[in-house]
Amino acid sequence: MEVLLANEVEYVRGVAESRLPEGTVDDKLLRTLVTAQFLAGARTAQDGRAAVRAGFDVHHRGYGITAPADARRLRSMTS
């Protein structure tokens, strides 16, 4: 399971790095998003985007204004 999730994180990292400014990819966020998709069992692209949005919100919960969810980063990971 760890190897499968690690491979997925690497794939998502490649996508994120191609769409975001250099140095802005957050490895912990990527792991949260991949895990959320896995746990949700998303079967469609729409379900996958919803799982990513939920994971994004969960990852940033409790940070308040110090780490608000960045809509640009979220869009880059769900489009």
N, C-alpha and C. Protein backbone atom coordinates (compact mmCIF):
# COMPACT_ATOMS: atom_id res chain seq x y z
N MET A 1 0.82 -1.18 0.00
CA MET A 1 0.00 0.00 0.00
C MET A 1 0.87 1.26 0.00
N GLU A 2 1.92 1.24 0.82
CA GLU A 2 2.80 2.42 0.88
C GLU A 2 3.45 2.70 -0.47
N VAL A 3 3.85 1.65 -1.17
CA VAL A 3 4.49 1.82 -2.47
C VAL A 3 3.49 2.41 -3.47
N LEU A 4 2.28 1.90 -3.47
CA LEU A 4 1.24 2.41 -4.37
C LEU A 4 0.98 3.89 -4.11
N LEU A 5 0.80 4.26 -2.85
CA LEU A 5 0.55 5.66 -2.52
C LEU A 5 1.76 6.53 -2.85
N ALA A 6 2.97 6.03 -2.61
CA ALA A 6 4.17 6.79 -2.95
C ALA A 6 4.26 7.04 -4.45
N ASN A 7 3.91 6.03 -5.24
CA ASN A 7 3.91 6.20 -6.70
C ASN A 7 2.89 7.25 -7.13
N GLU A 8 1.73 7.23 -6.52
CA GLU A 8 0.70 8.22 -6.84
C GLU A 8 1.16 9.62 -6.46
N VAL A 9 1.79 9.74 -5.30
CA VAL A 9 2.29 11.06 -4.87
C VAL A 9 3.31 11.57 -5.88
N GLU A 10 4.21 10.70 -6.35
CA GLU A 10 5.21 11.11 -7.33
C GLU A 10 4.55 11.59 -8.63
N TYR A 11 3.51 10.89 -9.06
CA TYR A 11 2.79 11.30 -10.27
C TYR A 11 2.16 12.68 -10.07
N VAL A 12 1.45 12.85 -8.95
CA VAL A 12 0.78 14.12 -8.67
C VAL A 12 1.82 15.24 -8.51
N ARG A 13 2.97 14.94 -7.89
CA ARG A 13 4.03 15.94 -7.74
C ARG A 13 4.47 16.42 -9.12
N GLY A 14 4.65 15.52 -10.06
CA GLY A 14 5.06 15.91 -11.41
C GLY A 14 4.05 16.83 -12.07
N VAL A 15 2.77 16.52 -11.90
CA VAL A 15 1.72 17.37 -12.46
C VAL A 15 1.75 18.74 -11.78
N ALA A 16 1.81 18.74 -10.46
CA ALA A 16 1.80 20.00 -9.71
C ALA A 16 3.02 20.85 -10.07
N GLU A 17 4.19 20.23 -10.17
CA GLU A 17 5.40 21.00 -10.48
C GLU A 17 5.34 21.61 -11.87
N SER A 18 4.62 20.97 -12.79
CA SER A 18 4.51 21.53 -14.14
C SER A 18 3.51 22.68 -14.21
N ARG A 19 2.65 22.81 -13.20
CA ARG A 19 1.59 23.82 -13.23
C ARG A 19 1.77 24.95 -12.23
N LEU A 20 2.62 24.75 -11.25
CA LEU A 20 2.79 25.74 -10.19
C LEU A 20 4.17 26.39 -10.27
N PRO A 21 4.30 27.58 -9.70
CA PRO A 21 5.62 28.22 -9.67
C PRO A 21 6.63 27.34 -8.93
N GLU A 22 7.88 27.44 -9.34
CA GLU A 22 8.94 26.63 -8.73
C GLU A 22 9.00 26.85 -7.22
N GLY A 23 9.13 25.76 -6.48
CA GLY A 23 9.27 25.82 -5.04
C GLY A 23 7.98 25.92 -4.25
N THR A 24 6.83 25.80 -4.91
CA THR A 24 5.57 25.95 -4.19
C THR A 24 4.84 24.64 -3.94
N VAL A 25 5.38 23.53 -4.42
CA VAL A 25 4.73 22.24 -4.22
C VAL A 25 4.93 21.80 -2.77
N ASP A 26 3.85 21.43 -2.12
CA ASP A 26 3.85 21.04 -0.71
C ASP A 26 3.69 19.51 -0.63
N ASP A 27 4.75 18.80 -0.25
CA ASP A 27 4.71 17.33 -0.21
C ASP A 27 3.65 16.80 0.75
N LYS A 28 3.51 17.44 1.90
CA LYS A 28 2.50 16.98 2.87
C LYS A 28 1.10 17.14 2.30
N LEU A 29 0.86 18.25 1.62
CA LEU A 29 -0.44 18.46 0.98
C LEU A 29 -0.68 17.39 -0.08
N LEU A 30 0.33 17.09 -0.89
CA LEU A 30 0.16 16.07 -1.93
C LEU A 30 -0.20 14.72 -1.32
N ARG A 31 0.46 14.34 -0.24
CA ARG A 31 0.13 13.07 0.42
C ARG A 31 -1.30 13.08 0.94
N THR A 32 -1.73 14.21 1.50
CA THR A 32 -3.11 14.32 1.98
C THR A 32 -4.09 14.15 0.83
N LEU A 33 -3.82 14.80 -0.30
CA LEU A 33 -4.73 14.74 -1.44
C LEU A 33 -4.81 13.33 -2.04
N VAL A 34 -3.67 12.69 -2.17
CA VAL A 34 -3.66 11.33 -2.71
C VAL A 34 -4.39 10.37 -1.78
N THR A 35 -4.16 10.52 -0.49
CA THR A 35 -4.84 9.67 0.49
C THR A 35 -6.35 9.91 0.46
N ALA A 36 -6.77 11.17 0.36
CA ALA A 36 -8.20 11.48 0.29
C ALA A 36 -8.84 10.82 -0.92
N GLN A 37 -8.18 10.88 -2.07
CA GLN A 37 -8.73 10.24 -3.26
C GLN A 37 -8.81 8.73 -3.08
N PHE A 38 -7.76 8.16 -2.50
CA PHE A 38 -7.75 6.72 -2.28
C PHE A 38 -8.89 6.30 -1.35
N LEU A 39 -9.04 7.01 -0.23
CA LEU A 39 -10.07 6.67 0.74
C LEU A 39 -11.47 6.89 0.19
N ALA A 40 -11.63 7.90 -0.65
CA ALA A 40 -12.95 8.19 -1.22
C ALA A 40 -13.33 7.18 -2.29
N GLY A 41 -12.34 6.52 -2.86
CA GLY A 41 -12.64 5.56 -3.92
C GLY A 41 -13.26 6.23 -5.14
N ALA A 42 -12.77 7.41 -5.48
CA ALA A 42 -13.31 8.17 -6.59
C ALA A 42 -13.25 7.35 -7.88
N ARG A 43 -14.40 7.24 -8.54
CA ARG A 43 -14.48 6.46 -9.78
C ARG A 43 -14.60 7.33 -11.02
N THR A 44 -14.90 8.60 -10.82
CA THR A 44 -15.01 9.52 -11.96
C THR A 44 -14.12 10.73 -11.70
N ALA A 45 -13.87 11.50 -12.75
CA ALA A 45 -13.07 12.72 -12.60
C ALA A 45 -13.76 13.68 -11.64
N GLN A 46 -15.07 13.77 -11.72
CA GLN A 46 -15.82 14.66 -10.83
C GLN A 46 -15.65 14.22 -9.38
N ASP A 47 -15.75 12.91 -9.12
CA ASP A 47 -15.55 12.40 -7.77
C ASP A 47 -14.12 12.67 -7.30
N GLY A 48 -13.16 12.52 -8.20
CA GLY A 48 -11.76 12.79 -7.86
C GLY A 48 -11.54 14.24 -7.48
N ARG A 49 -12.12 15.16 -8.26
CA ARG A 49 -11.99 16.59 -7.94
C ARG A 49 -12.63 16.90 -6.59
N ALA A 50 -13.78 16.30 -6.31
CA ALA A 50 -14.45 16.53 -5.02
C ALA A 50 -13.58 16.01 -3.87
N ALA A 51 -12.95 14.85 -4.06
CA ALA A 51 -12.08 14.29 -3.03
C ALA A 51 -10.87 15.19 -2.80
N VAL A 52 -10.30 15.73 -3.89
CA VAL A 52 -9.15 16.62 -3.76
C VAL A 52 -9.56 17.90 -3.02
N ARG A 53 -10.71 18.45 -3.37
CA ARG A 53 -11.17 19.65 -2.67
C ARG A 53 -11.35 19.38 -1.17
N ALA A 54 -11.95 18.24 -0.85
CA ALA A 54 -12.16 17.89 0.55
C ALA A 54 -10.81 17.70 1.26
N GLY A 55 -9.88 17.01 0.61
CA GLY A 55 -8.56 16.81 1.19
C GLY A 55 -7.83 18.14 1.40
N PHE A 56 -7.98 19.05 0.43
CA PHE A 56 -7.35 20.37 0.52
C PHE A 56 -7.89 21.12 1.74
N ASP A 57 -9.22 21.08 1.91
CA ASP A 57 -9.84 21.75 3.06
C ASP A 57 -9.39 21.13 4.39
N VAL A 58 -9.35 19.80 4.43
CA VAL A 58 -8.92 19.11 5.65
C VAL A 58 -7.47 19.44 5.97
N HIS A 59 -6.63 19.45 4.97
CA HIS A 59 -5.20 19.73 5.17
C HIS A 59 -5.00 21.12 5.79
N HIS A 60 -5.81 22.08 5.38
CA HIS A 60 -5.65 23.46 5.85
C HIS A 60 -6.50 23.78 7.07
N ARG A 61 -7.30 22.85 7.54
CA ARG A 61 -8.15 23.10 8.71
C ARG A 61 -7.27 23.37 9.93
N GLY A 62 -7.65 24.36 10.69
CA GLY A 62 -6.93 24.69 11.91
C GLY A 62 -5.79 25.66 11.73
N TYR A 63 -5.44 25.98 10.48
CA TYR A 63 -4.35 26.93 10.26
C TYR A 63 -4.84 28.37 10.26
N GLY A 64 -6.14 28.55 10.13
CA GLY A 64 -6.70 29.90 10.12
C GLY A 64 -6.12 30.74 9.01
N ILE A 65 -5.94 32.01 9.27
CA ILE A 65 -5.47 32.91 8.21
C ILE A 65 -3.99 32.72 7.90
N THR A 66 -3.27 31.94 8.69
CA THR A 66 -1.85 31.74 8.42
C THR A 66 -1.61 30.85 7.21
N ALA A 67 -2.59 30.04 6.84
CA ALA A 67 -2.42 29.16 5.67
C ALA A 67 -3.76 28.94 4.99
N PRO A 68 -4.36 29.99 4.46
CA PRO A 68 -5.66 29.81 3.80
C PRO A 68 -5.51 28.96 2.55
N ALA A 69 -6.55 28.25 2.23
CA ALA A 69 -6.54 27.45 1.00
C ALA A 69 -6.35 28.38 -0.19
N ASP A 70 -5.38 28.07 -1.01
CA ASP A 70 -5.04 28.89 -2.18
C ASP A 70 -5.81 28.35 -3.38
N ALA A 71 -6.76 29.12 -3.88
CA ALA A 71 -7.62 28.68 -4.98
C ALA A 71 -6.81 28.32 -6.22
N ARG A 72 -5.73 29.04 -6.50
CA ARG A 72 -4.90 28.75 -7.68
C ARG A 72 -4.25 27.37 -7.56
N ARG A 73 -3.72 27.09 -6.39
CA ARG A 73 -3.09 25.77 -6.19
C ARG A 73 -4.13 24.67 -6.29
N LEU A 74 -5.31 24.89 -5.71
CA LEU A 74 -6.36 23.89 -5.78
C LEU A 74 -6.78 23.64 -7.22
N ARG A 75 -6.98 24.70 -7.99
CA ARG A 75 -7.38 24.54 -9.40
C ARG A 75 -6.34 23.75 -10.17
N SER A 76 -5.07 24.00 -9.90
CA SER A 76 -4.00 23.31 -10.64
C SER A 76 -4.01 21.81 -10.37
N MET A 77 -4.53 21.41 -9.22
CA MET A 77 -4.55 19.99 -8.86
C MET A 77 -5.85 19.31 -9.21
N THR A 78 -6.85 20.06 -9.61
CA THR A 78 -8.14 19.45 -9.92
C THR A 78 -8.54 19.63 -11.37
N SER A 79 -7.73 20.28 -12.16
CA SER A 79 -8.10 20.48 -13.57
C SER A 79 -7.41 19.50 -14.47
